[in-house]
Amino acid sequence: MIPVVRYVNRPCAPSRRAVVLAGAAGVASLTTACSGDDEPTTNVAAGDVVAQVSDVPVGGAVSATGPSGPLLIAQPTEGQVVAFSAVCTHQGCTVAPGDGDLRCPCHGSVFDLATGTNVSGPAPAPLAAAQVEVVDGQIRAL
């Protein structure tokens, strides 16, 4: 089963340019379009399968969704599975699997695949560890 998810990873706000171009009268309409909740909504619960070990490349990672939102599940070495929150510690963008690392597309932060430690870029802290377990080749959220 593929979880159905809606996740807003950054607050909705008009750009400075949009505000200037819209003028004071248009600001209300710009911000109205951003109304709604910005919290992750997911139907993934603890114990649910979020990925298969066979789908996670050795020395790579895949994106998934856990009970608390987006995850990165990595297999640094064969049989070693680790997981991290995919929310960048810089400005909350969604980090994605890179080429042997984890990368934030918004501002270029790079994180270590095995530890989640920030290697470069503006991110001030490592990615938060996420709890998963492997049962019969299935990766389950905890």
N, C-alpha and C. Protein backbone atom coordinates (compact mmCIF):
# COMPACT_ATOMS: atom_id res chain seq x y z
N MET A 1 0.84 -1.18 0.00
CA MET A 1 0.00 0.00 0.00
C MET A 1 0.89 1.24 0.00
N ILE A 2 0.58 2.18 -0.84
CA ILE A 2 1.33 3.44 -0.90
C ILE A 2 0.57 4.47 -0.08
N PRO A 3 1.25 5.07 0.92
CA PRO A 3 0.57 6.05 1.75
C PRO A 3 0.19 7.30 0.97
N VAL A 4 -0.97 7.84 1.30
CA VAL A 4 -1.41 9.08 0.70
C VAL A 4 -0.97 10.21 1.63
N VAL A 5 -0.27 11.19 1.07
CA VAL A 5 0.29 12.23 1.91
C VAL A 5 0.12 13.60 1.28
N ARG A 6 -0.16 14.58 2.11
CA ARG A 6 -0.08 15.98 1.69
C ARG A 6 0.83 16.62 2.71
N TYR A 7 1.90 17.19 2.26
CA TYR A 7 2.85 17.79 3.18
C TYR A 7 3.28 19.14 2.65
N VAL A 8 3.11 20.14 3.45
CA VAL A 8 3.58 21.47 3.10
C VAL A 8 4.82 21.70 3.93
N ASN A 9 5.98 21.80 3.25
CA ASN A 9 7.22 21.84 4.01
C ASN A 9 7.76 23.24 4.26
N ARG A 10 7.12 24.24 3.72
CA ARG A 10 7.55 25.60 4.01
C ARG A 10 6.31 26.47 4.16
N PRO A 11 6.37 27.47 5.02
CA PRO A 11 5.22 28.35 5.18
C PRO A 11 4.89 29.05 3.87
N CYS A 12 3.62 29.22 3.64
CA CYS A 12 3.19 29.87 2.41
C CYS A 12 3.26 31.38 2.62
N ALA A 13 4.05 32.03 1.83
CA ALA A 13 4.17 33.49 1.92
C ALA A 13 4.52 34.02 0.54
N PRO A 14 3.92 35.13 0.17
CA PRO A 14 4.24 35.71 -1.13
C PRO A 14 5.67 36.24 -1.14
N SER A 15 6.28 36.23 -2.31
CA SER A 15 7.62 36.79 -2.42
C SER A 15 7.57 38.30 -2.27
N ARG A 16 8.72 38.89 -1.96
CA ARG A 16 8.80 40.35 -1.87
C ARG A 16 8.36 41.00 -3.18
N ARG A 17 8.80 40.41 -4.28
CA ARG A 17 8.46 40.95 -5.60
C ARG A 17 6.95 40.91 -5.82
N ALA A 18 6.30 39.81 -5.42
CA ALA A 18 4.85 39.70 -5.60
C ALA A 18 4.11 40.76 -4.80
N VAL A 19 4.59 41.03 -3.59
CA VAL A 19 3.94 42.05 -2.77
C VAL A 19 4.10 43.42 -3.40
N VAL A 20 5.29 43.75 -3.86
CA VAL A 20 5.53 45.05 -4.48
C VAL A 20 4.67 45.21 -5.74
N LEU A 21 4.64 44.17 -6.56
CA LEU A 21 3.85 44.24 -7.80
C LEU A 21 2.36 44.31 -7.53
N ALA A 22 1.89 43.65 -6.49
CA ALA A 22 0.46 43.62 -6.20
C ALA A 22 0.00 44.91 -5.53
N GLY A 23 0.90 45.59 -4.84
CA GLY A 23 0.51 46.79 -4.12
C GLY A 23 -0.24 46.44 -2.85
N ALA A 24 -0.52 47.41 -2.05
CA ALA A 24 -1.13 47.17 -0.75
C ALA A 24 -2.49 46.50 -0.88
N ALA A 25 -3.27 46.86 -1.89
CA ALA A 25 -4.61 46.29 -2.04
C ALA A 25 -4.55 44.81 -2.37
N GLY A 26 -3.50 44.40 -3.06
CA GLY A 26 -3.40 43.01 -3.48
C GLY A 26 -2.82 42.08 -2.42
N VAL A 27 -2.25 42.62 -1.36
CA VAL A 27 -1.61 41.78 -0.35
C VAL A 27 -2.63 40.85 0.30
N ALA A 28 -3.83 41.34 0.58
CA ALA A 28 -4.84 40.50 1.21
C ALA A 28 -5.17 39.29 0.34
N SER A 29 -5.28 39.50 -0.95
CA SER A 29 -5.60 38.36 -1.82
C SER A 29 -4.43 37.40 -1.93
N LEU A 30 -3.20 37.91 -1.86
CA LEU A 30 -2.04 37.02 -1.91
C LEU A 30 -1.97 36.14 -0.68
N THR A 31 -2.22 36.70 0.49
CA THR A 31 -2.12 35.92 1.72
C THR A 31 -3.33 35.02 1.92
N THR A 32 -4.48 35.38 1.38
CA THR A 32 -5.65 34.53 1.49
C THR A 32 -5.42 33.19 0.81
N ALA A 33 -4.69 33.19 -0.27
CA ALA A 33 -4.41 31.95 -0.99
C ALA A 33 -3.56 30.99 -0.17
N CYS A 34 -2.95 31.48 0.89
CA CYS A 34 -2.09 30.66 1.73
C CYS A 34 -2.80 30.09 2.93
N SER A 35 -4.08 30.39 3.10
CA SER A 35 -4.76 29.92 4.30
C SER A 35 -4.91 28.41 4.27
N GLY A 36 -5.10 27.85 5.42
CA GLY A 36 -5.19 26.40 5.56
C GLY A 36 -4.11 25.94 6.51
N ASP A 37 -4.15 24.66 6.88
CA ASP A 37 -3.15 24.22 7.83
C ASP A 37 -1.87 23.83 7.11
N ASP A 38 -0.75 24.10 7.74
CA ASP A 38 0.55 23.78 7.16
C ASP A 38 1.18 22.56 7.83
N GLU A 39 0.40 21.82 8.58
CA GLU A 39 0.92 20.64 9.25
C GLU A 39 0.85 19.45 8.30
N PRO A 40 1.79 18.51 8.46
CA PRO A 40 1.73 17.32 7.63
C PRO A 40 0.49 16.50 7.95
N THR A 41 -0.13 15.97 6.93
CA THR A 41 -1.22 15.04 7.13
C THR A 41 -0.83 13.75 6.45
N THR A 42 -0.98 12.66 7.14
CA THR A 42 -0.53 11.39 6.62
C THR A 42 -1.39 10.28 7.18
N ASN A 43 -1.48 9.20 6.45
CA ASN A 43 -2.20 8.05 6.98
C ASN A 43 -1.23 6.94 7.36
N VAL A 44 0.04 7.28 7.57
CA VAL A 44 1.05 6.31 7.97
C VAL A 44 1.12 6.29 9.49
N ALA A 45 1.02 5.09 10.04
CA ALA A 45 1.07 4.93 11.50
C ALA A 45 2.30 4.12 11.88
N ALA A 46 2.66 4.17 13.14
CA ALA A 46 3.75 3.35 13.64
C ALA A 46 3.44 1.89 13.34
N GLY A 47 4.44 1.18 12.84
CA GLY A 47 4.27 -0.22 12.47
C GLY A 47 3.97 -0.43 11.00
N ASP A 48 3.58 0.64 10.30
CA ASP A 48 3.30 0.52 8.86
C ASP A 48 4.58 0.35 8.06
N VAL A 49 4.49 -0.37 6.96
CA VAL A 49 5.62 -0.54 6.06
C VAL A 49 5.79 0.75 5.26
N VAL A 50 7.01 1.32 5.29
CA VAL A 50 7.28 2.56 4.57
C VAL A 50 8.18 2.33 3.36
N ALA A 51 8.85 1.17 3.31
CA ALA A 51 9.70 0.84 2.16
C ALA A 51 10.12 -0.62 2.28
N GLN A 52 10.69 -1.13 1.20
CA GLN A 52 11.28 -2.47 1.17
C GLN A 52 12.79 -2.29 1.15
N VAL A 53 13.52 -3.12 1.88
CA VAL A 53 14.98 -3.03 1.87
C VAL A 53 15.50 -3.18 0.44
N SER A 54 14.88 -4.04 -0.35
CA SER A 54 15.32 -4.26 -1.73
C SER A 54 15.18 -3.02 -2.61
N ASP A 55 14.36 -2.06 -2.20
CA ASP A 55 14.18 -0.81 -2.97
C ASP A 55 15.19 0.27 -2.60
N VAL A 56 15.94 0.06 -1.52
CA VAL A 56 16.90 1.06 -1.07
C VAL A 56 18.28 0.64 -1.58
N PRO A 57 18.88 1.41 -2.48
CA PRO A 57 20.18 1.02 -3.02
C PRO A 57 21.28 1.07 -1.95
N VAL A 58 22.20 0.11 -2.02
CA VAL A 58 23.35 0.14 -1.12
C VAL A 58 24.18 1.37 -1.48
N GLY A 59 24.51 2.19 -0.49
CA GLY A 59 25.22 3.44 -0.72
C GLY A 59 24.30 4.55 -1.21
N GLY A 60 22.99 4.36 -1.05
CA GLY A 60 22.02 5.34 -1.51
C GLY A 60 20.85 5.44 -0.56
N ALA A 61 19.83 6.14 -0.98
CA ALA A 61 18.66 6.38 -0.14
C ALA A 61 17.42 6.52 -1.00
N VAL A 62 16.27 6.41 -0.35
CA VAL A 62 14.98 6.65 -0.99
C VAL A 62 14.16 7.57 -0.10
N SER A 63 13.23 8.26 -0.71
CA SER A 63 12.29 9.09 0.04
C SER A 63 11.09 8.24 0.42
N ALA A 64 10.54 8.50 1.58
CA ALA A 64 9.37 7.78 2.06
C ALA A 64 8.58 8.73 2.96
N THR A 65 7.49 8.24 3.51
CA THR A 65 6.70 9.03 4.44
C THR A 65 6.46 8.22 5.69
N GLY A 66 6.69 8.84 6.83
CA GLY A 66 6.47 8.20 8.11
C GLY A 66 5.35 8.87 8.86
N PRO A 67 5.09 8.45 10.07
CA PRO A 67 4.01 9.03 10.87
C PRO A 67 4.16 10.54 11.11
N SER A 68 5.41 11.03 11.12
CA SER A 68 5.65 12.45 11.39
C SER A 68 5.95 13.26 10.14
N GLY A 69 5.87 12.66 8.96
CA GLY A 69 6.13 13.40 7.73
C GLY A 69 7.16 12.72 6.86
N PRO A 70 7.84 13.50 6.00
CA PRO A 70 8.76 12.92 5.03
C PRO A 70 10.02 12.33 5.67
N LEU A 71 10.45 11.19 5.13
CA LEU A 71 11.63 10.49 5.62
C LEU A 71 12.62 10.26 4.49
N LEU A 72 13.85 10.03 4.87
CA LEU A 72 14.88 9.51 3.98
C LEU A 72 15.34 8.21 4.59
N ILE A 73 15.28 7.14 3.82
CA ILE A 73 15.73 5.85 4.30
C ILE A 73 16.96 5.48 3.49
N ALA A 74 18.06 5.22 4.18
CA ALA A 74 19.34 4.96 3.51
C ALA A 74 19.86 3.58 3.88
N GLN A 75 20.71 3.05 3.01
CA GLN A 75 21.40 1.80 3.26
C GLN A 75 22.88 2.04 2.98
N PRO A 76 23.60 2.63 3.95
CA PRO A 76 24.99 3.00 3.74
C PRO A 76 25.86 1.80 3.34
N THR A 77 25.65 0.68 4.01
CA THR A 77 26.33 -0.56 3.65
C THR A 77 25.25 -1.64 3.59
N GLU A 78 25.52 -2.72 2.87
CA GLU A 78 24.51 -3.75 2.69
C GLU A 78 24.00 -4.27 4.04
N GLY A 79 22.68 -4.19 4.21
CA GLY A 79 22.04 -4.66 5.42
C GLY A 79 21.92 -3.64 6.53
N GLN A 80 22.60 -2.51 6.42
CA GLN A 80 22.50 -1.44 7.42
C GLN A 80 21.48 -0.42 6.94
N VAL A 81 20.36 -0.31 7.65
CA VAL A 81 19.30 0.61 7.27
C VAL A 81 19.20 1.71 8.32
N VAL A 82 19.22 2.95 7.88
CA VAL A 82 19.06 4.11 8.76
C VAL A 82 18.00 5.02 8.17
N ALA A 83 17.39 5.83 9.01
CA ALA A 83 16.35 6.75 8.53
C ALA A 83 16.49 8.10 9.22
N PHE A 84 16.12 9.13 8.48
CA PHE A 84 16.19 10.50 8.97
C PHE A 84 14.95 11.26 8.54
N SER A 85 14.61 12.29 9.28
CA SER A 85 13.59 13.22 8.82
C SER A 85 14.13 13.88 7.56
N ALA A 86 13.27 14.08 6.57
CA ALA A 86 13.69 14.73 5.33
C ALA A 86 13.51 16.25 5.40
N VAL A 87 13.22 16.77 6.58
CA VAL A 87 13.03 18.22 6.74
C VAL A 87 14.38 18.86 7.04
N CYS A 88 14.84 19.72 6.13
CA CYS A 88 16.14 20.37 6.27
C CYS A 88 16.15 21.26 7.52
N THR A 89 17.25 21.22 8.23
CA THR A 89 17.38 22.01 9.45
C THR A 89 17.67 23.49 9.17
N HIS A 90 17.81 23.85 7.90
CA HIS A 90 18.05 25.25 7.55
C HIS A 90 16.73 26.01 7.50
N GLN A 91 15.87 25.68 6.51
CA GLN A 91 14.61 26.40 6.39
C GLN A 91 13.43 25.48 6.12
N GLY A 92 13.56 24.21 6.43
CA GLY A 92 12.42 23.31 6.35
C GLY A 92 12.10 22.74 4.98
N CYS A 93 12.96 22.92 4.00
CA CYS A 93 12.72 22.33 2.69
C CYS A 93 12.84 20.81 2.80
N THR A 94 12.35 20.09 1.81
CA THR A 94 12.42 18.64 1.82
C THR A 94 13.72 18.18 1.18
N VAL A 95 14.55 17.50 1.97
CA VAL A 95 15.83 16.97 1.52
C VAL A 95 15.56 15.73 0.68
N ALA A 96 16.39 15.50 -0.33
CA ALA A 96 16.21 14.38 -1.24
C ALA A 96 17.47 13.52 -1.31
N PRO A 97 17.32 12.27 -1.73
CA PRO A 97 18.51 11.44 -1.93
C PRO A 97 19.40 12.06 -3.00
N GLY A 98 20.71 12.08 -2.73
CA GLY A 98 21.68 12.58 -3.70
C GLY A 98 22.50 11.43 -4.24
N ASP A 99 23.65 11.74 -4.76
CA ASP A 99 24.56 10.72 -5.28
C ASP A 99 25.52 10.31 -4.17
N GLY A 100 25.08 9.37 -3.31
CA GLY A 100 25.89 8.94 -2.19
C GLY A 100 25.77 9.84 -0.98
N ASP A 101 24.83 10.79 -1.00
CA ASP A 101 24.58 11.68 0.13
C ASP A 101 23.12 12.11 0.11
N LEU A 102 22.77 13.04 0.96
CA LEU A 102 21.42 13.59 1.04
C LEU A 102 21.54 15.08 0.80
N ARG A 103 20.70 15.64 -0.10
CA ARG A 103 20.86 17.03 -0.51
C ARG A 103 19.57 17.82 -0.42
N CYS A 104 19.71 19.05 0.05
CA CYS A 104 18.58 19.96 0.09
C CYS A 104 18.57 20.78 -1.19
N PRO A 105 17.51 20.71 -1.97
CA PRO A 105 17.47 21.44 -3.24
C PRO A 105 17.29 22.94 -3.09
N CYS A 106 16.88 23.42 -1.93
CA CYS A 106 16.60 24.84 -1.77
C CYS A 106 17.86 25.70 -1.64
N HIS A 107 18.79 25.29 -0.78
CA HIS A 107 19.96 26.13 -0.54
C HIS A 107 21.26 25.36 -0.55
N GLY A 108 21.23 24.10 -1.00
CA GLY A 108 22.45 23.34 -1.23
C GLY A 108 23.08 22.65 -0.04
N SER A 109 22.37 22.54 1.06
CA SER A 109 22.95 21.80 2.19
C SER A 109 23.12 20.34 1.81
N VAL A 110 24.20 19.74 2.28
CA VAL A 110 24.50 18.33 2.02
C VAL A 110 24.64 17.63 3.36
N PHE A 111 24.05 16.42 3.45
CA PHE A 111 24.07 15.65 4.68
C PHE A 111 24.68 14.27 4.41
N ASP A 112 25.37 13.74 5.40
CA ASP A 112 25.97 12.42 5.31
C ASP A 112 24.88 11.35 5.26
N LEU A 113 25.04 10.41 4.35
CA LEU A 113 24.06 9.35 4.12
C LEU A 113 23.92 8.42 5.32
N ALA A 114 25.00 8.16 6.03
CA ALA A 114 24.97 7.19 7.13
C ALA A 114 24.59 7.79 8.47
N THR A 115 24.88 9.09 8.66
CA THR A 115 24.68 9.69 9.98
C THR A 115 23.70 10.86 9.99
N GLY A 116 23.40 11.44 8.84
CA GLY A 116 22.53 12.62 8.77
C GLY A 116 23.25 13.90 9.14
N THR A 117 24.55 13.81 9.42
CA THR A 117 25.34 14.99 9.79
C THR A 117 25.43 15.97 8.63
N ASN A 118 25.30 17.26 8.93
CA ASN A 118 25.44 18.27 7.87
C ASN A 118 26.92 18.37 7.48
N VAL A 119 27.18 18.19 6.19
CA VAL A 119 28.54 18.19 5.65
C VAL A 119 28.90 19.56 5.08
N SER A 120 27.94 20.20 4.42
CA SER A 120 28.18 21.52 3.85
C SER A 120 26.85 22.25 3.66
N GLY A 121 26.96 23.54 3.38
CA GLY A 121 25.78 24.36 3.16
C GLY A 121 25.36 25.06 4.43
N PRO A 122 24.24 25.77 4.35
CA PRO A 122 23.82 26.60 5.48
C PRO A 122 23.10 25.85 6.60
N ALA A 123 22.80 24.58 6.44
CA ALA A 123 22.08 23.86 7.51
C ALA A 123 22.88 23.90 8.81
N PRO A 124 22.26 24.33 9.91
CA PRO A 124 22.99 24.48 11.17
C PRO A 124 23.10 23.21 12.00
N ALA A 125 22.37 22.16 11.63
CA ALA A 125 22.35 20.95 12.44
C ALA A 125 22.11 19.74 11.56
N PRO A 126 22.40 18.55 12.08
CA PRO A 126 22.14 17.33 11.31
C PRO A 126 20.64 17.08 11.17
N LEU A 127 20.29 16.18 10.26
CA LEU A 127 18.90 15.75 10.12
C LEU A 127 18.53 14.93 11.35
N ALA A 128 17.31 15.05 11.78
CA ALA A 128 16.84 14.28 12.94
C ALA A 128 16.73 12.81 12.57
N ALA A 129 17.21 11.95 13.46
CA ALA A 129 17.09 10.51 13.23
C ALA A 129 15.62 10.11 13.33
N ALA A 130 15.23 9.14 12.51
CA ALA A 130 13.88 8.59 12.56
C ALA A 130 13.99 7.12 12.93
N GLN A 131 13.03 6.63 13.66
CA GLN A 131 13.06 5.25 14.12
C GLN A 131 12.34 4.34 13.14
N VAL A 132 13.04 3.34 12.65
CA VAL A 132 12.46 2.31 11.79
C VAL A 132 13.00 0.96 12.24
N GLU A 133 12.33 -0.10 11.82
CA GLU A 133 12.81 -1.45 12.05
C GLU A 133 12.65 -2.25 10.77
N VAL A 134 13.50 -3.25 10.59
CA VAL A 134 13.43 -4.12 9.42
C VAL A 134 12.89 -5.46 9.87
N VAL A 135 11.79 -5.87 9.23
CA VAL A 135 11.17 -7.15 9.53
C VAL A 135 10.91 -7.85 8.21
N ASP A 136 11.58 -8.97 7.99
CA ASP A 136 11.39 -9.77 6.76
C ASP A 136 11.55 -8.92 5.49
N GLY A 137 12.56 -8.06 5.47
CA GLY A 137 12.83 -7.24 4.29
C GLY A 137 11.95 -6.02 4.16
N GLN A 138 11.05 -5.82 5.10
CA GLN A 138 10.20 -4.64 5.09
C GLN A 138 10.68 -3.63 6.12
N ILE A 139 10.69 -2.36 5.75
CA ILE A 139 11.10 -1.30 6.67
C ILE A 139 9.82 -0.70 7.24
N ARG A 140 9.71 -0.79 8.55
CA ARG A 140 8.50 -0.30 9.23
C ARG A 140 8.81 0.92 10.09
N ALA A 141 7.90 1.88 10.06
CA ALA A 141 8.03 3.08 10.89
C ALA A 141 7.73 2.72 12.34
N LEU A 142 8.46 3.35 13.24
CA LEU A 142 8.20 3.16 14.68
C LEU A 142 7.68 4.43 15.30
